[in-house]
Amino acid sequence: MPDKLMSLQRIRRALEPVIRPIVHFYWRWSRGTTLGARAMVIDGTGRVLLIKHSYVDGWHFPGGGVESGETMLTALARELAEEANIKLTGQPRLHGVFFNKRVSRRDHIGFYIVRDFIQDGLPVPNREIIAHGFFAHDALPEDTSRGTRARIAEVFDGVAVSELW
């Protein structure tokens, strides 16, 4: 990755704690509640897809915000295509809707399980997504986020589903 892009990513990560409250202040007045759609994409060998953003540390599930006029499934399909070059070939299964109080008192995530998909080619790292990969659920990268680990434990280990992300 070019040095200039790496430098921009470091700046974004450093500014994220300052920018996030400003963005959420704006959302507070422009939207009553924020809604996101994320997915655990599971390949044929049982590995899960995780991505790494340029603006926040750790590995996460792909997904993003549901825009005005969009359904959660439309947003999910769009985000999977944008972030991971994943195209849905079947109906995702809703695992749950979670309150993400670590982000804001208004943030909720619709979380899906995706098993039917195609990935025509590997996604190319860009300004938003700097890395991606499929990982065995019992061999996750060390810096996998807490919410991501919790959902994996629910799906693979039978841990009780929590309402909190």
C-alpha atoms as a PDB file:
ATOM      1  CA  MET A   1       0.000   0.000   0.000  1.00  0.00           C
ATOM      2  CA  PRO A   2       1.455   3.401  -0.912  1.00  0.00           C
ATOM      3  CA  ASP A   3       2.936   5.457   1.932  1.00  0.00           C
ATOM      4  CA  LYS A   4       0.525   8.339   1.306  1.00  0.00           C
ATOM      5  CA  LEU A   5      -2.513   6.057   1.714  1.00  0.00           C
ATOM      6  CA  MET A   6      -1.049   4.534   4.900  1.00  0.00           C
ATOM      7  CA  SER A   7      -0.457   8.041   6.272  1.00  0.00           C
ATOM      8  CA  LEU A   8      -4.062   9.066   5.510  1.00  0.00           C
ATOM      9  CA  GLN A   9      -5.329   5.938   7.262  1.00  0.00           C
ATOM     10  CA  ARG A  10      -3.292   6.739  10.375  1.00  0.00           C
ATOM     11  CA  ILE A  11      -4.697  10.266  10.378  1.00  0.00           C
ATOM     12  CA  ARG A  12      -8.264   8.927  10.037  1.00  0.00           C
ATOM     13  CA  ARG A  13      -7.755   6.509  12.917  1.00  0.00           C
ATOM     14  CA  ALA A  14      -6.296   9.262  15.079  1.00  0.00           C
ATOM     15  CA  LEU A  15      -9.192  11.615  14.301  1.00  0.00           C
ATOM     16  CA  GLU A  16     -11.933   8.981  14.644  1.00  0.00           C
ATOM     17  CA  PRO A  17     -12.528   9.586  18.395  1.00  0.00           C
ATOM     18  CA  VAL A  18     -13.086  13.277  17.622  1.00  0.00           C
ATOM     19  CA  ILE A  19     -15.098  12.827  14.418  1.00  0.00           C
ATOM     20  CA  ARG A  20     -17.460  10.129  15.706  1.00  0.00           C
ATOM     21  CA  PRO A  21     -19.179  12.322  18.346  1.00  0.00           C
ATOM     22  CA  ILE A  22     -19.623  15.110  15.780  1.00  0.00           C
ATOM     23  CA  VAL A  23     -21.204  12.735  13.266  1.00  0.00           C
ATOM     24  CA  HIS A  24     -23.462  11.275  15.941  1.00  0.00           C
ATOM     25  CA  PHE A  25     -24.477  14.782  17.084  1.00  0.00           C
ATOM     26  CA  TYR A  26     -25.541  15.472  13.487  1.00  0.00           C
ATOM     27  CA  TRP A  27     -27.407  12.135  13.304  1.00  0.00           C
ATOM     28  CA  ARG A  28     -29.123  12.942  16.590  1.00  0.00           C
ATOM     29  CA  TRP A  29     -30.862  15.892  14.964  1.00  0.00           C
ATOM     30  CA  SER A  30     -31.231  14.540  11.433  1.00  0.00           C
ATOM     31  CA  ARG A  31     -32.333  11.007  12.371  1.00  0.00           C
ATOM     32  CA  GLY A  32     -34.193   9.725  15.393  1.00  0.00           C
ATOM     33  CA  THR A  33     -32.447   6.372  15.328  1.00  0.00           C
ATOM     34  CA  THR A  34     -29.580   5.014  13.263  1.00  0.00           C
ATOM     35  CA  LEU A  35     -29.927   1.600  11.714  1.00  0.00           C
ATOM     36  CA  GLY A  36     -27.220  -0.563  10.240  1.00  0.00           C
ATOM     37  CA  ALA A  37     -27.144  -3.905   8.469  1.00  0.00           C
ATOM     38  CA  ARG A  38     -24.234  -6.316   8.917  1.00  0.00           C
ATOM     39  CA  ALA A  39     -23.679  -9.941   8.049  1.00  0.00           C
ATOM     40  CA  MET A  40     -21.733 -12.978   9.035  1.00  0.00           C
ATOM     41  CA  VAL A  41     -20.802 -14.365   5.616  1.00  0.00           C
ATOM     42  CA  ILE A  42     -19.915 -18.055   6.034  1.00  0.00           C
ATOM     43  CA  ASP A  43     -18.123 -19.866   3.224  1.00  0.00           C
ATOM     44  CA  GLY A  44     -18.440 -23.543   2.288  1.00  0.00           C
ATOM     45  CA  THR A  45     -15.730 -24.552   4.764  1.00  0.00           C
ATOM     46  CA  GLY A  46     -17.323 -22.711   7.714  1.00  0.00           C
ATOM     47  CA  ARG A  47     -14.995 -19.716   7.709  1.00  0.00           C
ATOM     48  CA  VAL A  48     -16.361 -16.217   8.338  1.00  0.00           C
ATOM     49  CA  LEU A  49     -15.617 -13.076   6.353  1.00  0.00           C
ATOM     50  CA  LEU A  50     -14.118 -10.187   8.309  1.00  0.00           C
ATOM     51  CA  ILE A  51     -12.992  -6.778   7.133  1.00  0.00           C
ATOM     52  CA  LYS A  52     -10.694  -4.105   8.490  1.00  0.00           C
ATOM     53  CA  HIS A  53     -11.606  -0.431   8.062  1.00  0.00           C
ATOM     54  CA  SER A  54      -9.172   2.424   7.580  1.00  0.00           C
ATOM     55  CA  TYR A  55     -10.927   4.557  10.210  1.00  0.00           C
ATOM     56  CA  VAL A  56     -11.422   2.187  13.149  1.00  0.00           C
ATOM     57  CA  ASP A  57      -9.203  -0.498  14.662  1.00  0.00           C
ATOM     58  CA  GLY A  58      -9.918  -4.210  14.585  1.00  0.00           C
ATOM     59  CA  TRP A  59     -11.657  -6.760  12.397  1.00  0.00           C
ATOM     60  CA  HIS A  60     -15.417  -6.522  11.896  1.00  0.00           C
ATOM     61  CA  PHE A  61     -18.261  -8.007   9.900  1.00  0.00           C
ATOM     62  CA  PRO A  62     -19.039  -6.253   6.617  1.00  0.00           C
ATOM     63  CA  GLY A  63     -22.000  -3.904   6.574  1.00  0.00           C
ATOM     64  CA  GLY A  64     -23.051  -0.332   7.056  1.00  0.00           C
ATOM     65  CA  GLY A  65     -25.846   2.150   7.446  1.00  0.00           C
ATOM     66  CA  VAL A  66     -29.350   1.766   6.076  1.00  0.00           C
ATOM     67  CA  GLU A  67     -30.058   4.875   4.027  1.00  0.00           C
ATOM     68  CA  SER A  68     -33.381   6.677   3.797  1.00  0.00           C
ATOM     69  CA  GLY A  69     -35.727   4.747   1.487  1.00  0.00           C
ATOM     70  CA  GLU A  70     -33.684   1.525   1.748  1.00  0.00           C
ATOM     71  CA  THR A  71     -34.693  -1.756   3.332  1.00  0.00           C
ATOM     72  CA  MET A  72     -32.210  -3.553   5.577  1.00  0.00           C
ATOM     73  CA  LEU A  73     -31.766  -6.271   2.937  1.00  0.00           C
ATOM     74  CA  THR A  74     -31.131  -3.724   0.183  1.00  0.00           C
ATOM     75  CA  ALA A  75     -28.579  -1.958   2.375  1.00  0.00           C
ATOM     76  CA  LEU A  76     -26.971  -5.284   3.282  1.00  0.00           C
ATOM     77  CA  ALA A  77     -26.656  -6.330  -0.377  1.00  0.00           C
ATOM     78  CA  ARG A  78     -25.174  -2.942  -1.287  1.00  0.00           C
ATOM     79  CA  GLU A  79     -22.673  -2.976   1.589  1.00  0.00           C
ATOM     80  CA  LEU A  80     -21.561  -6.560   0.902  1.00  0.00           C
ATOM     81  CA  ALA A  81     -20.961  -5.707  -2.751  1.00  0.00           C
ATOM     82  CA  GLU A  82     -19.088  -2.483  -1.911  1.00  0.00           C
ATOM     83  CA  GLU A  83     -16.951  -3.834   0.902  1.00  0.00           C
ATOM     84  CA  ALA A  84     -16.269  -7.421  -0.081  1.00  0.00           C
ATOM     85  CA  ASN A  85     -17.381  -8.017  -3.681  1.00  0.00           C
ATOM     86  CA  ILE A  86     -20.055 -10.372  -2.303  1.00  0.00           C
ATOM     87  CA  LYS A  87     -23.267 -10.905  -4.270  1.00  0.00           C
ATOM     88  CA  LEU A  88     -26.171 -12.599  -2.509  1.00  0.00           C
ATOM     89  CA  THR A  89     -27.573 -15.671  -4.272  1.00  0.00           C
ATOM     90  CA  GLY A  90     -30.069 -16.624  -1.578  1.00  0.00           C
ATOM     91  CA  GLN A  91     -32.037 -15.112   1.259  1.00  0.00           C
ATOM     92  CA  PRO A  92     -29.962 -14.073   4.289  1.00  0.00           C
ATOM     93  CA  ARG A  93     -31.296 -15.253   7.669  1.00  0.00           C
ATOM     94  CA  LEU A  94     -31.919 -12.577  10.293  1.00  0.00           C
ATOM     95  CA  HIS A  95     -29.980 -13.511  13.425  1.00  0.00           C
ATOM     96  CA  GLY A  96     -31.157 -10.536  15.465  1.00  0.00           C
ATOM     97  CA  VAL A  97     -31.442  -6.813  15.929  1.00  0.00           C
ATOM     98  CA  PHE A  98     -28.905  -5.441  18.375  1.00  0.00           C
ATOM     99  CA  PHE A  99     -28.532  -2.207  20.336  1.00  0.00           C
ATOM    100  CA  ASN A 100     -25.062  -0.787  19.749  1.00  0.00           C
ATOM    101  CA  LYS A 101     -24.757   1.520  22.762  1.00  0.00           C
ATOM    102  CA  ARG A 102     -20.977   1.694  22.384  1.00  0.00           C
ATOM    103  CA  VAL A 103     -21.531   3.814  19.265  1.00  0.00           C
ATOM    104  CA  SER A 104     -24.565   5.829  20.357  1.00  0.00           C
ATOM    105  CA  ARG A 105     -27.781   5.625  22.358  1.00  0.00           C
ATOM    106  CA  ARG A 106     -29.642   5.543  19.040  1.00  0.00           C
ATOM    107  CA  ASP A 107     -27.696   2.927  17.068  1.00  0.00           C
ATOM    108  CA  HIS A 108     -29.165  -0.457  16.133  1.00  0.00           C
ATOM    109  CA  ILE A 109     -27.836  -3.220  13.898  1.00  0.00           C
ATOM    110  CA  GLY A 110     -29.829  -5.762  11.931  1.00  0.00           C
ATOM    111  CA  PHE A 111     -27.514  -8.759  11.800  1.00  0.00           C
ATOM    112  CA  TYR A 112     -27.838 -11.487   9.180  1.00  0.00           C
ATOM    113  CA  ILE A 113     -26.286 -14.857   8.435  1.00  0.00           C
ATOM    114  CA  VAL A 114     -25.275 -15.282   4.779  1.00  0.00           C
ATOM    115  CA  ARG A 115     -24.408 -18.688   3.376  1.00  0.00           C
ATOM    116  CA  ASP A 116     -25.583 -18.324  -0.227  1.00  0.00           C
ATOM    117  CA  PHE A 117     -23.316 -15.941  -2.113  1.00  0.00           C
ATOM    118  CA  ILE A 118     -20.729 -15.600  -4.830  1.00  0.00           C
ATOM    119  CA  GLN A 119     -17.534 -13.623  -4.759  1.00  0.00           C
ATOM    120  CA  ASP A 120     -16.390 -13.169  -8.358  1.00  0.00           C
ATOM    121  CA  GLY A 121     -13.036 -11.788  -7.323  1.00  0.00           C
ATOM    122  CA  LEU A 122     -11.200 -10.573  -4.293  1.00  0.00           C
ATOM    123  CA  PRO A 123     -12.009  -7.024  -3.238  1.00  0.00           C
ATOM    124  CA  VAL A 124      -9.264  -4.502  -3.777  1.00  0.00           C
ATOM    125  CA  PRO A 125      -8.273  -2.547  -0.642  1.00  0.00           C
ATOM    126  CA  ASN A 126      -9.379   1.076  -0.860  1.00  0.00           C
ATOM    127  CA  ARG A 127      -9.719   4.206   1.296  1.00  0.00           C
ATOM    128  CA  GLU A 128     -12.421   2.579   3.470  1.00  0.00           C
ATOM    129  CA  ILE A 129     -11.575  -1.144   3.538  1.00  0.00           C
ATOM    130  CA  ILE A 130      -7.874  -1.898   3.948  1.00  0.00           C
ATOM    131  CA  ALA A 131      -8.029  -5.668   4.470  1.00  0.00           C
ATOM    132  CA  HIS A 132     -10.420  -8.583   4.318  1.00  0.00           C
ATOM    133  CA  GLY A 133     -10.291 -12.326   4.784  1.00  0.00           C
ATOM    134  CA  PHE A 134     -12.144 -15.503   5.640  1.00  0.00           C
ATOM    135  CA  PHE A 135     -11.180 -16.916   9.040  1.00  0.00           C
ATOM    136  CA  ALA A 136     -12.000 -20.092  10.960  1.00  0.00           C
ATOM    137  CA  HIS A 137     -14.336 -19.171  13.815  1.00  0.00           C
ATOM    138  CA  ASP A 138     -11.856 -20.605  16.317  1.00  0.00           C
ATOM    139  CA  ALA A 139      -8.807 -18.876  14.781  1.00  0.00           C
ATOM    140  CA  LEU A 140      -9.794 -15.212  14.580  1.00  0.00           C
ATOM    141  CA  PRO A 141      -7.284 -12.379  14.330  1.00  0.00           C
ATOM    142  CA  GLU A 142      -6.258 -11.118  17.771  1.00  0.00           C
ATOM    143  CA  ASP A 143      -7.808  -7.679  17.213  1.00  0.00           C
ATOM    144  CA  THR A 144     -11.266  -8.961  16.225  1.00  0.00           C
ATOM    145  CA  SER A 145     -13.860  -6.661  17.785  1.00  0.00           C
ATOM    146  CA  ARG A 146     -15.824  -7.653  20.876  1.00  0.00           C
ATOM    147  CA  GLY A 147     -19.199  -7.478  19.082  1.00  0.00           C
ATOM    148  CA  THR A 148     -17.886  -9.623  16.235  1.00  0.00           C
ATOM    149  CA  ARG A 149     -16.595 -12.255  18.671  1.00  0.00           C
ATOM    150  CA  ALA A 150     -19.942 -12.253  20.522  1.00  0.00           C
ATOM    151  CA  ARG A 151     -21.957 -12.924  17.345  1.00  0.00           C
ATOM    152  CA  ILE A 152     -19.549 -15.695  16.291  1.00  0.00           C
ATOM    153  CA  ALA A 153     -19.919 -17.349  19.721  1.00  0.00           C
ATOM    154  CA  GLU A 154     -23.719 -17.176  19.406  1.00  0.00           C
ATOM    155  CA  VAL A 155     -23.736 -18.806  15.975  1.00  0.00           C
ATOM    156  CA  PHE A 156     -20.970 -21.379  16.347  1.00  0.00           C
ATOM    157  CA  ASP A 157     -20.840 -22.114  20.077  1.00  0.00           C
ATOM    158  CA  GLY A 158     -24.499 -21.831  21.049  1.00  0.00           C
ATOM    159  CA  VAL A 159     -23.930 -18.914  23.414  1.00  0.00           C
ATOM    160  CA  ALA A 160     -27.222 -17.183  24.321  1.00  0.00           C
ATOM    161  CA  VAL A 161     -28.066 -14.292  22.004  1.00  0.00           C
ATOM    162  CA  SER A 162     -27.669 -10.889  23.640  1.00  0.00           C
ATOM    163  CA  GLU A 163     -29.643  -7.761  22.743  1.00  0.00           C
ATOM    164  CA  LEU A 164     -26.443  -5.717  22.938  1.00  0.00           C
ATOM    165  CA  TRP A 165     -23.846  -5.495  20.209  1.00  0.00           C
END
